[in-house]
């Protein structure tokens, strides 16, 4: 298996481990054959985005204990579906992105320039 790359062409970095994110719940925005949503955009969620995605039928702010999901709050890191991030961009509510932790496959759906405009640098 080859090392995963980010949208900058370098080694994919961890997105978030608290809460634990990623399709594989390993903290990385990796993807694979079963990940039909392509959870590859490492975003720092905002209140506006959480409200938007809830209205689209994907409530990320409410805890779901049976799936060990704590619910997200503004500022949390999360691997978003590339298509949802793109929809949020078009709706004017795209959350900031950590490019170093965003999988290169995000570029199949999102434009690198748009991702760069929403870049946030990790502290």
N, C-alpha and C. Protein backbone atom coordinates (compact mmCIF):
# COMPACT_ATOMS: atom_id res chain seq x y z
N UNK A 1 0.84 -1.19 0.00
CA UNK A 1 0.00 0.00 0.00
C UNK A 1 0.89 1.25 0.00
N UNK A 2 0.57 2.20 -0.84
CA UNK A 2 1.38 3.42 -0.92
C UNK A 2 0.94 4.41 0.15
N UNK A 3 1.85 5.29 0.51
CA UNK A 3 1.58 6.31 1.50
C UNK A 3 0.55 7.30 0.95
N UNK A 4 -0.46 7.62 1.75
CA UNK A 4 -1.49 8.57 1.33
C UNK A 4 -0.90 9.96 1.20
N UNK A 5 -1.36 10.70 0.21
CA UNK A 5 -0.90 12.06 -0.04
C UNK A 5 -2.03 13.05 0.23
N UNK A 6 -1.64 14.26 0.55
CA UNK A 6 -2.62 15.33 0.72
C UNK A 6 -2.71 16.15 -0.57
N UNK A 7 -3.56 17.16 -0.56
CA UNK A 7 -3.77 17.97 -1.76
C UNK A 7 -2.54 18.78 -2.17
N UNK A 8 -1.56 18.86 -1.28
CA UNK A 8 -0.31 19.56 -1.59
C UNK A 8 0.73 18.61 -2.17
N UNK A 9 0.39 17.30 -2.21
CA UNK A 9 1.29 16.31 -2.77
C UNK A 9 2.29 15.75 -1.76
N UNK A 10 2.12 16.10 -0.49
CA UNK A 10 3.00 15.59 0.56
C UNK A 10 2.25 14.57 1.40
N UNK A 11 2.95 13.99 2.38
CA UNK A 11 2.36 12.96 3.23
C UNK A 11 1.10 13.48 3.94
N UNK A 12 0.04 12.69 3.90
CA UNK A 12 -1.21 13.04 4.57
C UNK A 12 -0.99 13.10 6.08
N UNK A 13 -1.36 14.22 6.69
CA UNK A 13 -1.22 14.39 8.13
C UNK A 13 -2.53 14.06 8.83
N UNK A 14 -2.45 13.85 10.14
CA UNK A 14 -3.64 13.56 10.93
C UNK A 14 -4.57 14.79 10.91
N UNK A 15 -5.85 14.53 10.86
CA UNK A 15 -6.85 15.61 10.88
C UNK A 15 -7.24 15.92 12.32
N UNK A 16 -7.79 14.93 13.01
CA UNK A 16 -8.24 15.15 14.38
C UNK A 16 -8.41 13.81 15.09
N UNK A 17 -8.00 13.76 16.35
CA UNK A 17 -8.20 12.55 17.16
C UNK A 17 -9.11 12.79 18.35
N UNK A 18 -9.54 14.03 18.55
CA UNK A 18 -10.48 14.33 19.62
C UNK A 18 -11.42 15.45 19.17
N UNK A 19 -12.58 15.09 18.59
CA UNK A 19 -13.11 13.74 18.44
C UNK A 19 -12.38 12.96 17.34
N UNK A 20 -12.40 11.64 17.45
CA UNK A 20 -11.75 10.77 16.47
C UNK A 20 -12.53 10.84 15.16
N UNK A 21 -11.84 11.21 14.11
CA UNK A 21 -12.49 11.39 12.82
C UNK A 21 -11.95 10.42 11.78
N UNK A 22 -12.45 10.56 10.58
CA UNK A 22 -12.02 9.74 9.46
C UNK A 22 -12.96 8.59 9.21
N UNK A 23 -13.07 8.19 7.96
CA UNK A 23 -13.92 7.06 7.61
C UNK A 23 -13.53 5.82 8.41
N UNK A 24 -12.23 5.66 8.64
CA UNK A 24 -11.73 4.50 9.39
C UNK A 24 -11.58 4.80 10.88
N UNK A 25 -12.00 5.98 11.31
CA UNK A 25 -11.89 6.44 12.70
C UNK A 25 -10.47 6.24 13.24
N UNK A 26 -9.52 6.72 12.43
CA UNK A 26 -8.12 6.65 12.82
C UNK A 26 -7.48 8.04 12.90
N UNK A 27 -8.31 9.08 12.74
CA UNK A 27 -7.81 10.45 12.81
C UNK A 27 -7.39 11.03 11.47
N UNK A 28 -7.31 10.18 10.43
CA UNK A 28 -6.89 10.62 9.10
C UNK A 28 -8.06 10.64 8.14
N UNK A 29 -7.99 11.51 7.14
CA UNK A 29 -9.02 11.58 6.10
C UNK A 29 -8.69 10.64 4.94
N UNK A 30 -8.39 9.39 5.29
CA UNK A 30 -8.14 8.36 4.28
C UNK A 30 -9.45 7.91 3.67
N UNK A 31 -9.38 7.27 2.53
CA UNK A 31 -10.58 6.78 1.86
C UNK A 31 -10.27 5.42 1.26
N UNK A 32 -11.31 4.71 0.91
CA UNK A 32 -11.14 3.39 0.32
C UNK A 32 -12.41 2.99 -0.41
N UNK A 33 -12.45 1.77 -0.87
CA UNK A 33 -13.56 1.29 -1.69
C UNK A 33 -14.94 1.38 -1.07
N UNK A 34 -15.04 1.23 0.25
CA UNK A 34 -16.36 1.30 0.90
C UNK A 34 -16.77 2.73 1.25
N UNK A 35 -15.87 3.68 1.15
CA UNK A 35 -16.15 5.07 1.52
C UNK A 35 -16.81 5.79 0.34
N UNK A 36 -18.08 5.51 0.13
CA UNK A 36 -18.79 6.10 -1.01
C UNK A 36 -18.94 7.61 -0.89
N UNK A 37 -18.90 8.14 0.34
CA UNK A 37 -19.00 9.58 0.54
C UNK A 37 -17.69 10.32 0.37
N UNK A 38 -16.60 9.61 0.23
CA UNK A 38 -15.27 10.21 0.14
C UNK A 38 -15.05 11.25 1.24
N UNK A 39 -14.90 10.78 2.47
CA UNK A 39 -14.68 11.63 3.64
C UNK A 39 -13.22 12.08 3.67
N UNK A 40 -12.87 13.02 2.81
CA UNK A 40 -11.47 13.34 2.56
C UNK A 40 -11.06 14.79 2.82
N UNK A 41 -12.01 15.67 3.14
CA UNK A 41 -11.68 17.07 3.39
C UNK A 41 -11.59 17.30 4.89
N UNK A 42 -10.40 17.63 5.37
CA UNK A 42 -10.20 17.91 6.79
C UNK A 42 -10.62 19.36 7.05
N UNK A 43 -11.75 19.50 7.71
CA UNK A 43 -12.30 20.84 7.96
C UNK A 43 -12.34 21.15 9.45
N UNK A 44 -12.29 22.42 9.75
CA UNK A 44 -12.51 22.91 11.10
C UNK A 44 -13.93 23.46 11.08
N UNK A 45 -14.88 22.69 11.63
CA UNK A 45 -16.29 23.03 11.46
C UNK A 45 -16.64 24.34 12.16
N UNK A 46 -17.60 25.03 11.57
CA UNK A 46 -18.11 26.29 12.10
C UNK A 46 -19.58 26.13 12.44
N UNK A 47 -20.11 27.04 13.23
CA UNK A 47 -21.54 27.02 13.57
C UNK A 47 -22.39 27.10 12.29
N UNK A 48 -21.98 27.97 11.37
CA UNK A 48 -22.73 28.13 10.12
C UNK A 48 -22.75 26.82 9.32
N UNK A 49 -21.61 26.15 9.25
CA UNK A 49 -21.57 24.88 8.52
C UNK A 49 -22.42 23.82 9.21
N UNK A 50 -22.33 23.73 10.54
CA UNK A 50 -23.11 22.73 11.27
C UNK A 50 -24.60 22.95 11.07
N UNK A 51 -25.04 24.20 11.07
CA UNK A 51 -26.45 24.51 10.80
C UNK A 51 -26.82 24.11 9.37
N UNK A 52 -25.95 24.45 8.43
CA UNK A 52 -26.20 24.13 7.03
C UNK A 52 -26.34 22.63 6.81
N UNK A 53 -25.38 21.85 7.30
CA UNK A 53 -25.40 20.41 7.04
C UNK A 53 -26.59 19.74 7.75
N UNK A 54 -26.99 20.28 8.90
CA UNK A 54 -28.18 19.76 9.58
C UNK A 54 -29.41 19.95 8.71
N UNK A 55 -29.51 21.11 8.09
CA UNK A 55 -30.64 21.38 7.18
C UNK A 55 -30.62 20.48 5.95
N UNK A 56 -29.43 19.98 5.61
CA UNK A 56 -29.30 19.07 4.46
C UNK A 56 -29.55 17.61 4.87
N UNK A 57 -29.87 17.39 6.15
CA UNK A 57 -30.18 16.04 6.62
C UNK A 57 -29.02 15.30 7.26
N UNK A 58 -27.90 15.99 7.51
CA UNK A 58 -26.75 15.35 8.14
C UNK A 58 -26.39 16.14 9.40
N UNK A 59 -27.01 15.77 10.51
CA UNK A 59 -26.83 16.46 11.78
C UNK A 59 -25.53 15.99 12.42
N UNK A 60 -24.51 16.83 12.38
CA UNK A 60 -23.21 16.49 12.95
C UNK A 60 -23.04 17.06 14.36
N UNK A 61 -24.01 17.83 14.85
CA UNK A 61 -23.84 18.46 16.16
C UNK A 61 -24.51 17.69 17.30
N UNK A 62 -25.41 16.77 16.99
CA UNK A 62 -26.10 16.00 18.01
C UNK A 62 -25.33 14.70 18.30
N UNK A 63 -25.02 14.45 19.58
CA UNK A 63 -24.33 13.21 19.93
C UNK A 63 -25.16 11.97 19.57
N UNK A 64 -24.47 10.91 19.15
CA UNK A 64 -25.10 9.61 18.87
C UNK A 64 -24.27 8.57 19.63
N UNK A 65 -24.60 8.36 20.92
CA UNK A 65 -23.78 7.48 21.77
C UNK A 65 -23.64 6.06 21.24
N UNK A 66 -24.67 5.50 20.63
CA UNK A 66 -24.57 4.12 20.14
C UNK A 66 -23.53 3.96 19.05
N UNK A 67 -23.12 5.06 18.41
CA UNK A 67 -22.05 5.01 17.41
C UNK A 67 -20.78 5.69 17.93
N UNK A 68 -20.75 5.93 19.26
CA UNK A 68 -19.60 6.56 19.89
C UNK A 68 -19.27 7.91 19.24
N UNK A 69 -20.33 8.64 18.86
CA UNK A 69 -20.17 9.95 18.22
C UNK A 69 -20.58 11.03 19.21
N UNK A 70 -19.64 11.90 19.61
CA UNK A 70 -19.92 12.90 20.64
C UNK A 70 -20.70 14.11 20.16
N UNK A 71 -20.86 14.26 18.85
CA UNK A 71 -21.43 15.49 18.31
C UNK A 71 -20.32 16.52 18.18
N UNK A 72 -20.38 17.30 17.11
CA UNK A 72 -19.33 18.29 16.86
C UNK A 72 -19.74 19.67 17.34
N UNK A 73 -18.74 20.44 17.72
CA UNK A 73 -18.96 21.84 18.09
C UNK A 73 -18.02 22.70 17.24
N UNK A 74 -18.34 23.97 17.07
CA UNK A 74 -17.47 24.83 16.27
C UNK A 74 -16.02 24.73 16.73
N UNK A 75 -15.12 24.61 15.75
CA UNK A 75 -13.70 24.49 16.01
C UNK A 75 -13.17 23.07 15.95
N UNK A 76 -14.08 22.08 16.03
CA UNK A 76 -13.65 20.69 15.94
C UNK A 76 -13.16 20.38 14.53
N UNK A 77 -12.17 19.49 14.45
CA UNK A 77 -11.71 18.99 13.16
C UNK A 77 -12.55 17.79 12.77
N UNK A 78 -12.86 17.65 11.47
CA UNK A 78 -13.67 16.52 11.01
C UNK A 78 -13.41 16.27 9.54
N UNK A 79 -13.38 15.01 9.16
CA UNK A 79 -13.21 14.63 7.75
C UNK A 79 -14.57 14.68 7.07
N UNK A 80 -14.77 15.68 6.27
CA UNK A 80 -16.05 15.87 5.57
C UNK A 80 -16.04 15.18 4.21
N UNK A 81 -17.23 14.82 3.76
CA UNK A 81 -17.39 14.34 2.39
C UNK A 81 -17.03 15.50 1.46
N UNK A 82 -16.25 15.20 0.45
CA UNK A 82 -15.82 16.25 -0.49
C UNK A 82 -17.02 16.95 -1.13
N UNK A 83 -18.04 16.19 -1.48
CA UNK A 83 -19.21 16.78 -2.13
C UNK A 83 -19.96 17.72 -1.17
N UNK A 84 -20.03 17.37 0.11
CA UNK A 84 -20.70 18.26 1.08
C UNK A 84 -19.92 19.55 1.27
N UNK A 85 -18.57 19.45 1.31
CA UNK A 85 -17.78 20.68 1.44
C UNK A 85 -18.02 21.56 0.21
N UNK A 86 -18.06 20.95 -0.97
CA UNK A 86 -18.30 21.70 -2.20
C UNK A 86 -19.67 22.36 -2.19
N UNK A 87 -20.69 21.63 -1.73
CA UNK A 87 -22.04 22.20 -1.60
C UNK A 87 -22.02 23.39 -0.65
N UNK A 88 -21.33 23.22 0.49
CA UNK A 88 -21.26 24.31 1.47
C UNK A 88 -20.54 25.52 0.88
N UNK A 89 -19.52 25.28 0.07
CA UNK A 89 -18.82 26.38 -0.61
C UNK A 89 -19.81 27.15 -1.48
N UNK A 90 -20.57 26.43 -2.27
CA UNK A 90 -21.53 27.08 -3.17
C UNK A 90 -22.63 27.79 -2.41
N UNK A 91 -22.90 27.35 -1.17
CA UNK A 91 -23.92 28.00 -0.33
C UNK A 91 -23.32 29.13 0.51
N UNK A 92 -21.99 29.32 0.41
CA UNK A 92 -21.34 30.40 1.15
C UNK A 92 -21.03 30.08 2.60
N UNK A 93 -21.01 28.79 2.98
CA UNK A 93 -20.77 28.42 4.37
C UNK A 93 -19.67 27.36 4.51
N UNK A 94 -18.76 27.30 3.55
CA UNK A 94 -17.68 26.30 3.61
C UNK A 94 -16.80 26.56 4.82
N UNK A 95 -16.55 25.52 5.62
CA UNK A 95 -15.66 25.71 6.77
C UNK A 95 -14.20 25.75 6.34
N UNK A 96 -13.34 26.29 7.20
CA UNK A 96 -11.90 26.29 6.91
C UNK A 96 -11.37 24.88 6.75
N UNK A 97 -10.29 24.75 5.97
CA UNK A 97 -9.72 23.46 5.61
C UNK A 97 -8.25 23.40 6.04
N UNK A 98 -7.85 22.24 6.54
CA UNK A 98 -6.44 21.98 6.84
C UNK A 98 -5.89 21.19 5.66
N UNK A 99 -5.18 21.87 4.77
CA UNK A 99 -4.73 21.26 3.52
C UNK A 99 -3.81 20.06 3.75
N UNK A 100 -2.94 20.15 4.73
CA UNK A 100 -1.99 19.07 4.99
C UNK A 100 -2.68 17.76 5.39
N UNK A 101 -3.92 17.86 5.88
CA UNK A 101 -4.68 16.69 6.32
C UNK A 101 -5.84 16.35 5.39
N UNK A 102 -5.93 17.06 4.26
CA UNK A 102 -6.99 16.81 3.27
C UNK A 102 -6.43 15.89 2.19
N UNK A 103 -7.06 14.74 2.02
CA UNK A 103 -6.60 13.71 1.09
C UNK A 103 -6.62 14.23 -0.35
N UNK A 104 -5.64 13.82 -1.14
CA UNK A 104 -5.53 14.26 -2.54
C UNK A 104 -6.78 13.95 -3.37
N UNK A 105 -7.53 12.92 -2.97
CA UNK A 105 -8.74 12.59 -3.73
C UNK A 105 -9.81 13.66 -3.62
N UNK A 106 -9.66 14.60 -2.70
CA UNK A 106 -10.60 15.72 -2.62
C UNK A 106 -10.60 16.50 -3.93
N UNK A 107 -9.47 16.47 -4.64
CA UNK A 107 -9.36 17.22 -5.89
C UNK A 107 -10.21 16.63 -7.01
N UNK A 108 -10.78 15.45 -6.79
CA UNK A 108 -11.72 14.88 -7.76
C UNK A 108 -13.05 15.61 -7.72
N UNK A 109 -13.30 16.32 -6.63
CA UNK A 109 -14.58 17.02 -6.44
C UNK A 109 -14.38 18.52 -6.23
N UNK A 110 -13.33 18.89 -5.54
CA UNK A 110 -13.08 20.27 -5.16
C UNK A 110 -11.89 20.84 -5.92
N UNK A 111 -11.94 22.14 -6.13
CA UNK A 111 -10.88 22.86 -6.81
C UNK A 111 -9.81 23.24 -5.79
N UNK A 112 -8.54 23.00 -6.10
CA UNK A 112 -7.46 23.32 -5.18
C UNK A 112 -7.47 24.80 -4.79
N UNK A 113 -7.75 25.67 -5.73
CA UNK A 113 -7.76 27.11 -5.43
C UNK A 113 -8.84 27.44 -4.40
N UNK A 114 -10.01 26.79 -4.50
CA UNK A 114 -11.08 27.01 -3.51
C UNK A 114 -10.64 26.51 -2.14
N UNK A 115 -10.04 25.34 -2.10
CA UNK A 115 -9.55 24.80 -0.83
C UNK A 115 -8.50 25.74 -0.23
N UNK A 116 -7.59 26.25 -1.06
CA UNK A 116 -6.55 27.16 -0.58
C UNK A 116 -7.13 28.45 -0.03
N UNK A 117 -8.20 28.95 -0.64
CA UNK A 117 -8.84 30.18 -0.15
C UNK A 117 -9.44 29.98 1.23
N UNK A 118 -9.74 28.73 1.59
CA UNK A 118 -10.35 28.42 2.88
C UNK A 118 -9.37 27.77 3.85
N UNK A 119 -8.09 27.88 3.53
CA UNK A 119 -7.05 27.23 4.32
C UNK A 119 -6.95 27.85 5.71
N UNK A 120 -6.76 26.97 6.67
CA UNK A 120 -6.46 27.40 8.03
C UNK A 120 -5.16 26.70 8.42
N UNK A 121 -4.31 27.43 9.09
CA UNK A 121 -3.03 26.87 9.54
C UNK A 121 -3.22 26.39 10.97
N UNK A 122 -2.84 25.16 11.20
CA UNK A 122 -2.95 24.58 12.55
C UNK A 122 -1.97 25.24 13.49
N UNK A 123 -2.41 25.44 14.71
CA UNK A 123 -1.55 26.05 15.74
C UNK A 123 -0.65 25.01 16.34
